Structures are given as C-alpha cells and as structure tokens.
C-alpha cells in the first residue's frame, strides 16, 4: 500500500501536471509547482476525494488558506488521523 506522501504526490502530479520529482514535502504549491488559486481549489477537492475512503473530512476554506506546501497537506491529513 502506498504511503500518504505517495498518494498525495500522485494527486498533486495529476492535478498540477508536474513531474513526480518536483513534488517534495518542501515544494511550495504556488512558487515551485506553479499552481494558481483555481488549481489550489481543484487540488483540495481532489485530496478530499482521494482520501474519502480513509477518513471523513472536509478541507474548509480556513484550512486551505494555510496550505502552501506539500508538507502542509501532509500535516493537515495527519491531523485528520491519516499518516
């Protein structure tokens, strides 16, 4: 079974159309992965869908505002009991 990071990386690669090697925990979604505000919205929805079978959660707007890096996504998921 894939790790949470591997699953997040897969979603980020698909949503942002970047290479897997670019998706590191410290990668900034806007600066490094060239995401715009619409990309971030689509990414949060894709993360919710990708992990919907593991836990019931919603990435609220307040939470999304604090997500700037891949590590922020991982930290959010860990806070939902996914690690």
N, C-alpha and C. Protein backbone atom coordinates (compact mmCIF):
# COMPACT_ATOMS: atom_id res chain seq x y z
N UNK A 1 0.84 -1.19 0.00
CA UNK A 1 0.00 0.00 0.00
C UNK A 1 0.88 1.25 0.00
N UNK A 2 0.47 2.23 -0.75
CA UNK A 2 1.23 3.46 -0.88
C UNK A 2 1.16 4.27 0.42
N UNK A 3 2.22 5.01 0.69
CA UNK A 3 2.24 5.89 1.85
C UNK A 3 1.35 7.11 1.57
N UNK A 4 1.03 7.85 2.62
CA UNK A 4 0.22 9.06 2.45
C UNK A 4 0.95 10.03 1.51
N UNK A 5 2.27 10.18 1.69
CA UNK A 5 3.03 11.07 0.81
C UNK A 5 2.93 10.64 -0.65
N UNK A 6 3.08 9.34 -0.90
CA UNK A 6 3.00 8.84 -2.27
C UNK A 6 1.62 9.11 -2.87
N UNK A 7 0.58 8.95 -2.07
CA UNK A 7 -0.77 9.20 -2.56
C UNK A 7 -0.99 10.69 -2.82
N UNK A 8 -0.50 11.54 -1.91
CA UNK A 8 -0.61 13.00 -2.12
C UNK A 8 0.17 13.39 -3.36
N UNK A 9 1.38 12.86 -3.51
CA UNK A 9 2.21 13.18 -4.68
C UNK A 9 1.48 12.81 -5.96
N UNK A 10 0.83 11.66 -5.98
CA UNK A 10 0.08 11.23 -7.16
C UNK A 10 -1.03 12.22 -7.52
N UNK A 11 -1.76 12.70 -6.50
CA UNK A 11 -2.83 13.66 -6.73
C UNK A 11 -2.26 14.99 -7.22
N UNK A 12 -1.18 15.45 -6.60
CA UNK A 12 -0.56 16.73 -6.99
C UNK A 12 -0.05 16.65 -8.43
N UNK A 13 0.60 15.56 -8.79
CA UNK A 13 1.12 15.38 -10.15
C UNK A 13 -0.03 15.45 -11.16
N UNK A 14 -1.10 14.74 -10.85
CA UNK A 14 -2.25 14.71 -11.76
C UNK A 14 -2.93 16.07 -11.87
N UNK A 15 -3.17 16.72 -10.74
CA UNK A 15 -3.90 17.99 -10.73
C UNK A 15 -3.09 19.15 -11.30
N UNK A 16 -1.81 19.20 -10.95
CA UNK A 16 -0.99 20.35 -11.35
C UNK A 16 -0.15 20.08 -12.59
N UNK A 17 -0.22 18.83 -13.07
CA UNK A 17 0.53 18.44 -14.27
C UNK A 17 2.01 18.78 -14.16
N UNK A 18 2.60 18.29 -13.06
CA UNK A 18 4.03 18.46 -12.81
C UNK A 18 4.67 17.09 -12.71
N UNK A 19 5.98 17.06 -12.78
CA UNK A 19 6.70 15.80 -12.65
C UNK A 19 6.74 15.35 -11.20
N UNK A 20 6.70 14.04 -10.99
CA UNK A 20 6.73 13.49 -9.63
C UNK A 20 7.97 13.93 -8.87
N UNK A 21 9.07 14.11 -9.58
CA UNK A 21 10.32 14.53 -8.92
C UNK A 21 10.23 15.95 -8.36
N UNK A 22 9.30 16.75 -8.87
CA UNK A 22 9.12 18.11 -8.38
C UNK A 22 8.33 18.16 -7.08
N UNK A 23 7.58 17.11 -6.80
CA UNK A 23 6.69 17.08 -5.64
C UNK A 23 7.44 16.52 -4.44
N UNK A 24 7.98 17.43 -3.65
CA UNK A 24 8.69 17.08 -2.42
C UNK A 24 7.94 17.72 -1.26
N UNK A 25 8.16 17.26 -0.04
CA UNK A 25 7.45 17.87 1.09
C UNK A 25 7.63 19.38 1.18
N UNK A 26 8.80 19.87 0.85
CA UNK A 26 9.05 21.31 0.97
C UNK A 26 8.62 22.12 -0.25
N UNK A 27 8.12 21.47 -1.30
CA UNK A 27 7.71 22.17 -2.52
C UNK A 27 6.53 23.09 -2.22
N UNK A 28 6.68 24.36 -2.60
CA UNK A 28 5.61 25.34 -2.45
C UNK A 28 4.66 25.20 -3.64
N UNK A 29 3.38 25.10 -3.36
CA UNK A 29 2.41 24.85 -4.43
C UNK A 29 2.39 25.95 -5.47
N UNK A 30 2.52 27.19 -5.05
CA UNK A 30 2.48 28.33 -5.98
C UNK A 30 3.85 28.59 -6.60
N UNK A 31 4.84 28.77 -5.74
CA UNK A 31 6.17 29.17 -6.22
C UNK A 31 6.89 28.06 -6.98
N UNK A 32 6.84 26.84 -6.46
CA UNK A 32 7.60 25.74 -7.05
C UNK A 32 6.79 24.93 -8.07
N UNK A 33 5.50 24.76 -7.80
CA UNK A 33 4.67 23.89 -8.64
C UNK A 33 3.72 24.68 -9.54
N UNK A 34 3.83 26.00 -9.49
CA UNK A 34 3.13 26.90 -10.42
C UNK A 34 1.60 26.78 -10.37
N UNK A 35 1.06 26.56 -9.19
CA UNK A 35 -0.39 26.48 -9.03
C UNK A 35 -0.96 27.88 -8.88
N UNK A 36 -2.15 28.10 -9.45
CA UNK A 36 -2.86 29.35 -9.21
C UNK A 36 -4.01 29.07 -8.25
N UNK A 37 -4.80 30.09 -7.94
CA UNK A 37 -5.86 29.92 -6.94
C UNK A 37 -6.88 28.86 -7.34
N UNK A 38 -7.22 28.79 -8.61
CA UNK A 38 -8.15 27.76 -9.08
C UNK A 38 -7.54 26.36 -8.94
N UNK A 39 -6.25 26.25 -9.24
CA UNK A 39 -5.56 24.96 -9.07
C UNK A 39 -5.62 24.51 -7.62
N UNK A 40 -5.47 25.44 -6.69
CA UNK A 40 -5.49 25.09 -5.26
C UNK A 40 -6.87 24.57 -4.87
N UNK A 41 -7.92 25.21 -5.36
CA UNK A 41 -9.29 24.74 -5.08
C UNK A 41 -9.48 23.33 -5.64
N UNK A 42 -9.08 23.13 -6.89
CA UNK A 42 -9.21 21.81 -7.51
C UNK A 42 -8.38 20.77 -6.76
N UNK A 43 -7.21 21.17 -6.30
CA UNK A 43 -6.34 20.25 -5.57
C UNK A 43 -6.97 19.85 -4.24
N UNK A 44 -7.55 20.80 -3.52
CA UNK A 44 -8.16 20.44 -2.24
C UNK A 44 -9.33 19.48 -2.44
N UNK A 45 -10.11 19.69 -3.48
CA UNK A 45 -11.22 18.77 -3.78
C UNK A 45 -10.67 17.38 -4.13
N UNK A 46 -9.62 17.35 -4.93
CA UNK A 46 -9.02 16.06 -5.32
C UNK A 46 -8.44 15.33 -4.11
N UNK A 47 -7.85 16.07 -3.17
CA UNK A 47 -7.32 15.45 -1.94
C UNK A 47 -8.47 14.87 -1.13
N UNK A 48 -9.55 15.63 -0.99
CA UNK A 48 -10.72 15.12 -0.26
C UNK A 48 -11.22 13.82 -0.88
N UNK A 49 -11.32 13.80 -2.21
CA UNK A 49 -11.82 12.62 -2.91
C UNK A 49 -10.85 11.45 -2.78
N UNK A 50 -9.55 11.73 -2.90
CA UNK A 50 -8.55 10.66 -2.86
C UNK A 50 -8.51 9.96 -1.51
N UNK A 51 -8.84 10.69 -0.44
CA UNK A 51 -8.76 10.11 0.90
C UNK A 51 -10.13 9.87 1.53
N UNK A 52 -11.19 9.98 0.73
CA UNK A 52 -12.55 9.86 1.28
C UNK A 52 -12.84 8.48 1.87
N UNK A 53 -12.18 7.46 1.37
CA UNK A 53 -12.42 6.12 1.90
C UNK A 53 -11.69 5.88 3.21
N UNK A 54 -10.66 6.71 3.48
CA UNK A 54 -9.85 6.54 4.69
C UNK A 54 -10.41 7.29 5.89
N UNK A 55 -10.97 8.45 5.64
CA UNK A 55 -11.49 9.28 6.73
C UNK A 55 -12.52 10.25 6.16
N UNK A 56 -13.46 10.61 7.00
CA UNK A 56 -14.48 11.58 6.61
C UNK A 56 -14.00 12.95 7.06
N UNK A 57 -13.68 13.82 6.13
CA UNK A 57 -13.24 15.16 6.46
C UNK A 57 -13.50 16.08 5.28
N UNK A 58 -13.42 17.36 5.59
CA UNK A 58 -13.58 18.38 4.56
C UNK A 58 -12.46 19.40 4.77
N UNK A 59 -11.84 19.83 3.70
CA UNK A 59 -10.84 20.88 3.79
C UNK A 59 -11.60 22.20 3.67
N UNK A 60 -11.83 22.84 4.82
CA UNK A 60 -12.55 24.10 4.84
C UNK A 60 -11.69 25.22 4.26
N UNK A 61 -12.33 26.32 3.88
CA UNK A 61 -11.60 27.46 3.31
C UNK A 61 -10.49 27.93 4.25
N UNK A 62 -10.79 27.96 5.56
CA UNK A 62 -9.79 28.40 6.54
C UNK A 62 -8.58 27.47 6.54
N UNK A 63 -8.84 26.18 6.37
CA UNK A 63 -7.74 25.21 6.31
C UNK A 63 -6.95 25.38 5.02
N UNK A 64 -7.65 25.56 3.92
CA UNK A 64 -6.99 25.69 2.62
C UNK A 64 -6.09 26.91 2.57
N UNK A 65 -6.47 27.97 3.28
CA UNK A 65 -5.65 29.19 3.31
C UNK A 65 -4.29 28.95 3.95
N UNK A 66 -4.18 27.91 4.77
CA UNK A 66 -2.93 27.60 5.46
C UNK A 66 -2.11 26.54 4.73
N UNK A 67 -2.58 26.10 3.59
CA UNK A 67 -1.85 25.09 2.83
C UNK A 67 -1.04 25.79 1.74
N UNK A 68 0.26 25.78 1.94
CA UNK A 68 1.18 26.43 1.00
C UNK A 68 2.18 25.45 0.39
N UNK A 69 2.46 24.38 1.12
CA UNK A 69 3.45 23.40 0.66
C UNK A 69 2.84 22.00 0.69
N UNK A 70 3.52 21.07 0.08
CA UNK A 70 3.09 19.67 0.13
C UNK A 70 3.09 19.20 1.59
N UNK A 71 4.08 19.64 2.37
CA UNK A 71 4.13 19.26 3.79
C UNK A 71 2.89 19.75 4.53
N UNK A 72 2.37 20.93 4.16
CA UNK A 72 1.15 21.43 4.80
C UNK A 72 -0.02 20.47 4.54
N UNK A 73 -0.08 19.90 3.34
CA UNK A 73 -1.13 18.92 3.03
C UNK A 73 -0.95 17.70 3.92
N UNK A 74 0.29 17.22 4.02
CA UNK A 74 0.57 16.05 4.84
C UNK A 74 0.23 16.30 6.31
N UNK A 75 0.57 17.50 6.79
CA UNK A 75 0.27 17.86 8.18
C UNK A 75 -1.24 17.91 8.42
N UNK A 76 -1.98 18.47 7.45
CA UNK A 76 -3.43 18.52 7.57
C UNK A 76 -4.01 17.11 7.63
N UNK A 77 -3.55 16.24 6.75
CA UNK A 77 -4.04 14.86 6.72
C UNK A 77 -3.69 14.13 8.01
N UNK A 78 -2.49 14.38 8.55
CA UNK A 78 -2.10 13.77 9.82
C UNK A 78 -3.04 14.22 10.93
N UNK A 79 -3.46 15.48 10.89
CA UNK A 79 -4.40 15.99 11.86
C UNK A 79 -5.79 15.34 11.74
N UNK A 80 -6.05 14.74 10.59
CA UNK A 80 -7.31 14.03 10.37
C UNK A 80 -7.16 12.54 10.68
N UNK A 81 -5.99 12.16 11.19
CA UNK A 81 -5.74 10.77 11.55
C UNK A 81 -5.14 9.94 10.44
N UNK A 82 -4.70 10.59 9.37
CA UNK A 82 -4.08 9.89 8.24
C UNK A 82 -2.59 10.14 8.24
N UNK A 83 -1.82 9.11 8.47
CA UNK A 83 -0.37 9.30 8.43
C UNK A 83 0.32 8.02 7.98
